[in-house]
Amino acid sequence: VTISSSTKLIAHIDGEQYRLPDDSFKVTVVPKALGVITPAQGWLGIAD
């Protein structure tokens, strides 16, 4: 999957926050995880 976004993206991996690259990037996801990949909406104290 190639992801591209004009907004700052934060990933949560094992409870840790990671800032994703500003440009487009590729990720590999196991099929069972596809339902949990969602854009943040300012929850958990993270500002959009």
PDB file of N, CA and C in Angstrom:
ATOM      1  N   VAL A   1       0.856  -1.169   0.000  1.00  0.00           N
ATOM      2  CA  VAL A   1       0.000   0.000   0.000  1.00  0.00           C
ATOM      3  C   VAL A   1       0.897   1.225   0.000  1.00  0.00           C
ATOM      4  N   THR A   2       0.603   2.188  -0.854  1.00  0.00           N
ATOM      5  CA  THR A   2       1.306   3.467  -0.841  1.00  0.00           C
ATOM      6  C   THR A   2       0.371   4.504  -0.237  1.00  0.00           C
ATOM      7  N   ILE A   3       0.877   5.235   0.727  1.00  0.00           N
ATOM      8  CA  ILE A   3       0.080   6.248   1.418  1.00  0.00           C
ATOM      9  C   ILE A   3       0.661   7.615   1.124  1.00  0.00           C
ATOM     10  N   SER A   4      -0.206   8.563   0.884  1.00  0.00           N
ATOM     11  CA  SER A   4       0.195   9.932   0.641  1.00  0.00           C
ATOM     12  C   SER A   4      -0.793  10.829   1.361  1.00  0.00           C
ATOM     13  N   SER A   5      -0.295  11.806   2.090  1.00  0.00           N
ATOM     14  CA  SER A   5      -1.193  12.671   2.854  1.00  0.00           C
ATOM     15  C   SER A   5      -0.607  14.070   2.951  1.00  0.00           C
ATOM     16  N   SER A   6      -1.473  15.063   2.906  1.00  0.00           N
ATOM     17  CA  SER A   6      -1.008  16.442   3.060  1.00  0.00           C
ATOM     18  C   SER A   6      -0.991  16.856   4.530  1.00  0.00           C
ATOM     19  N   THR A   7      -1.466  15.985   5.413  1.00  0.00           N
ATOM     20  CA  THR A   7      -1.460  16.284   6.842  1.00  0.00           C
ATOM     21  C   THR A   7      -0.425  15.435   7.564  1.00  0.00           C
ATOM     22  N   LYS A   8      -0.023  15.898   8.732  1.00  0.00           N
ATOM     23  CA  LYS A   8       0.936  15.165   9.552  1.00  0.00           C
ATOM     24  C   LYS A   8       0.293  13.864  10.011  1.00  0.00           C
ATOM     25  N   LEU A   9       0.994  12.751   9.831  1.00  0.00           N
ATOM     26  CA  LEU A   9       0.464  11.462  10.255  1.00  0.00           C
ATOM     27  C   LEU A   9       1.295  10.912  11.402  1.00  0.00           C
ATOM     28  N   ILE A  10       0.610  10.379  12.387  1.00  0.00           N
ATOM     29  CA  ILE A  10       1.258   9.750  13.533  1.00  0.00           C
ATOM     30  C   ILE A  10       0.811   8.295  13.553  1.00  0.00           C
ATOM     31  N   ALA A  11       1.756   7.385  13.696  1.00  0.00           N
ATOM     32  CA  ALA A  11       1.424   5.965  13.823  1.00  0.00           C
ATOM     33  C   ALA A  11       1.592   5.561  15.275  1.00  0.00           C
ATOM     34  N   HIS A  12       0.755   4.655  15.716  1.00  0.00           N
ATOM     35  CA  HIS A  12       0.884   4.067  17.050  1.00  0.00           C
ATOM     36  C   HIS A  12       1.279   2.615  16.856  1.00  0.00           C
ATOM     37  N   ILE A  13       2.469   2.270  17.279  1.00  0.00           N
ATOM     38  CA  ILE A  13       2.969   0.905  17.148  1.00  0.00           C
ATOM     39  C   ILE A  13       3.345   0.429  18.535  1.00  0.00           C
ATOM     40  N   ASP A  14       2.653  -0.587  19.007  1.00  0.00           N
ATOM     41  CA  ASP A  14       2.872  -1.112  20.359  1.00  0.00           C
ATOM     42  C   ASP A  14       2.805  -0.012  21.411  1.00  0.00           C
ATOM     43  N   GLY A  15       1.864   0.928  21.235  1.00  0.00           N
ATOM     44  CA  GLY A  15       1.662   1.987  22.215  1.00  0.00           C
ATOM     45  C   GLY A  15       2.607   3.170  22.088  1.00  0.00           C
ATOM     46  N   GLU A  16       3.559   3.101  21.174  1.00  0.00           N
ATOM     47  CA  GLU A  16       4.510   4.203  20.968  1.00  0.00           C
ATOM     48  C   GLU A  16       4.070   5.029  19.762  1.00  0.00           C
ATOM     49  N   GLN A  17       4.288   6.346  19.827  1.00  0.00           N
ATOM     50  CA  GLN A  17       3.941   7.229  18.714  1.00  0.00           C
ATOM     51  C   GLN A  17       5.141   7.404  17.791  1.00  0.00           C
ATOM     52  N   TYR A  18       4.887   7.340  16.490  1.00  0.00           N
ATOM     53  CA  TYR A  18       5.921   7.558  15.485  1.00  0.00           C
ATOM     54  C   TYR A  18       5.381   8.525  14.453  1.00  0.00           C
ATOM     55  N   ARG A  19       6.161   9.550  14.120  1.00  0.00           N
ATOM     56  CA  ARG A  19       5.769  10.477  13.060  1.00  0.00           C
ATOM     57  C   ARG A  19       6.177   9.847  11.733  1.00  0.00           C
ATOM     58  N   LEU A  20       5.229   9.760  10.818  1.00  0.00           N
ATOM     59  CA  LEU A  20       5.499   9.156   9.522  1.00  0.00           C
ATOM     60  C   LEU A  20       6.087  10.195   8.576  1.00  0.00           C
ATOM     61  N   PRO A  21       6.784   9.748   7.522  1.00  0.00           N
ATOM     62  CA  PRO A  21       7.415  10.687   6.588  1.00  0.00           C
ATOM     63  C   PRO A  21       6.406  11.666   5.982  1.00  0.00           C
ATOM     64  N   ASP A  22       6.872  12.882   5.675  1.00  0.00           N
ATOM     65  CA  ASP A  22       6.002  13.904   5.085  1.00  0.00           C
ATOM     66  C   ASP A  22       5.590  13.563   3.659  1.00  0.00           C
ATOM     67  N   ASP A  23       6.420  12.825   2.954  1.00  0.00           N
ATOM     68  CA  ASP A  23       6.156  12.476   1.564  1.00  0.00           C
ATOM     69  C   ASP A  23       5.348  11.179   1.518  1.00  0.00           C
ATOM     70  N   SER A  24       5.082  10.687   0.325  1.00  0.00           N
ATOM     71  CA  SER A  24       4.393   9.402   0.232  1.00  0.00           C
ATOM     72  C   SER A  24       5.359   8.294   0.651  1.00  0.00           C
ATOM     73  N   PHE A  25       4.827   7.215   1.145  1.00  0.00           N
ATOM     74  CA  PHE A  25       5.647   6.097   1.600  1.00  0.00           C
ATOM     75  C   PHE A  25       4.851   4.815   1.439  1.00  0.00           C
ATOM     76  N   LYS A  26       5.552   3.703   1.458  1.00  0.00           N
ATOM     77  CA  LYS A  26       4.898   2.407   1.311  1.00  0.00           C
ATOM     78  C   LYS A  26       4.899   1.678   2.638  1.00  0.00           C
ATOM     79  N   VAL A  27       3.829   0.969   2.894  1.00  0.00           N
ATOM     80  CA  VAL A  27       3.737   0.147   4.095  1.00  0.00           C
ATOM     81  C   VAL A  27       3.246  -1.244   3.704  1.00  0.00           C
ATOM     82  N   THR A  28       3.634  -2.214   4.482  1.00  0.00           N
ATOM     83  CA  THR A  28       3.139  -3.570   4.315  1.00  0.00           C
ATOM     84  C   THR A  28       2.319  -3.901   5.551  1.00  0.00           C
ATOM     85  N   VAL A  29       1.117  -4.390   5.322  1.00  0.00           N
ATOM     86  CA  VAL A  29       0.198  -4.653   6.426  1.00  0.00           C
ATOM     87  C   VAL A  29      -0.337  -6.076   6.295  1.00  0.00           C
ATOM     88  N   VAL A  30      -0.359  -6.798   7.402  1.00  0.00           N
ATOM     89  CA  VAL A  30      -0.977  -8.124   7.375  1.00  0.00           C
ATOM     90  C   VAL A  30      -2.483  -7.940   7.234  1.00  0.00           C
ATOM     91  N   PRO A  31      -3.147  -8.798   6.476  1.00  0.00           N
ATOM     92  CA  PRO A  31      -4.580  -8.615   6.212  1.00  0.00           C
ATOM     93  C   PRO A  31      -5.437  -8.416   7.460  1.00  0.00           C
ATOM     94  N   LYS A  32      -5.145  -9.103   8.558  1.00  0.00           N
ATOM     95  CA  LYS A  32      -5.994  -8.967   9.749  1.00  0.00           C
ATOM     96  C   LYS A  32      -5.875  -7.586  10.386  1.00  0.00           C
ATOM     97  N   ALA A  33      -4.852  -6.804  10.031  1.00  0.00           N
ATOM     98  CA  ALA A  33      -4.674  -5.471  10.600  1.00  0.00           C
ATOM     99  C   ALA A  33      -5.357  -4.382   9.780  1.00  0.00           C
ATOM    100  N   LEU A  34      -5.858  -4.704   8.610  1.00  0.00           N
ATOM    101  CA  LEU A  34      -6.445  -3.675   7.753  1.00  0.00           C
ATOM    102  C   LEU A  34      -7.600  -2.940   8.416  1.00  0.00           C
ATOM    103  N   GLY A  35      -8.349  -3.582   9.269  1.00  0.00           N
ATOM    104  CA  GLY A  35      -9.474  -2.936   9.938  1.00  0.00           C
ATOM    105  C   GLY A  35      -9.059  -1.944  11.006  1.00  0.00           C
ATOM    106  N   VAL A  36      -7.789  -1.918  11.401  1.00  0.00           N
ATOM    107  CA  VAL A  36      -7.367  -1.007  12.465  1.00  0.00           C
ATOM    108  C   VAL A  36      -6.553   0.171  11.951  1.00  0.00           C
ATOM    109  N   ILE A  37      -6.368   0.270  10.646  1.00  0.00           N
ATOM    110  CA  ILE A  37      -5.645   1.407  10.077  1.00  0.00           C
ATOM    111  C   ILE A  37      -6.661   2.498   9.784  1.00  0.00           C
ATOM    112  N   THR A  38      -6.668   3.526  10.610  1.00  0.00           N
ATOM    113  CA  THR A  38      -7.621   4.619  10.452  1.00  0.00           C
ATOM    114  C   THR A  38      -6.914   5.940  10.705  1.00  0.00           C
ATOM    115  N   PRO A  39      -7.338   7.007  10.059  1.00  0.00           N
ATOM    116  CA  PRO A  39      -6.732   8.314  10.324  1.00  0.00           C
ATOM    117  C   PRO A  39      -7.092   8.812  11.720  1.00  0.00           C
ATOM    118  N   ALA A  40      -6.158   9.455  12.370  1.00  0.00           N
ATOM    119  CA  ALA A  40      -6.410  10.020  13.701  1.00  0.00           C
ATOM    120  C   ALA A  40      -7.367  11.197  13.574  1.00  0.00           C
ATOM    121  N   GLN A  41      -8.233  11.355  14.531  1.00  0.00           N
ATOM    122  CA  GLN A  41      -9.183  12.467  14.546  1.00  0.00           C
ATOM    123  C   GLN A  41      -8.998  13.300  15.807  1.00  0.00           C
ATOM    124  N   GLY A  42      -7.757  13.467  16.243  1.00  0.00           N
ATOM    125  CA  GLY A  42      -7.487  14.273  17.418  1.00  0.00           C
ATOM    126  C   GLY A  42      -7.750  13.541  18.718  1.00  0.00           C
ATOM    127  N   TRP A  43      -7.873  12.216  18.693  1.00  0.00           N
ATOM    128  CA  TRP A  43      -8.143  11.464  19.907  1.00  0.00           C
ATOM    129  C   TRP A  43      -6.839  11.089  20.587  1.00  0.00           C
ATOM    130  N   LEU A  44      -6.909  10.661  21.792  1.00  0.00           N
ATOM    131  CA  LEU A  44      -5.749  10.300  22.614  1.00  0.00           C
ATOM    132  C   LEU A  44      -4.810  11.476  22.832  1.00  0.00           C
ATOM    133  N   GLY A  45      -5.345  12.684  22.785  1.00  0.00           N
ATOM    134  CA  GLY A  45      -4.520  13.853  23.056  1.00  0.00           C
ATOM    135  C   GLY A  45      -3.601  14.257  21.921  1.00  0.00           C
ATOM    136  N   ILE A  46      -3.795  13.685  20.742  1.00  0.00           N
ATOM    137  CA  ILE A  46      -2.945  14.024  19.602  1.00  0.00           C
ATOM    138  C   ILE A  46      -3.671  15.061  18.759  1.00  0.00           C
ATOM    139  N   ALA A  47      -3.050  16.197  18.578  1.00  0.00           N
ATOM    140  CA  ALA A  47      -3.668  17.248  17.763  1.00  0.00           C
ATOM    141  C   ALA A  47      -3.479  16.921  16.294  1.00  0.00           C
ATOM    142  N   ASP A  48      -4.497  17.200  15.496  1.00  0.00           N
ATOM    143  CA  ASP A  48      -4.386  16.984  14.048  1.00  0.00           C
ATOM    144  C   ASP A  48      -3.464  17.999  13.426  1.00  0.00           C
TER     145      ASP A  48
END
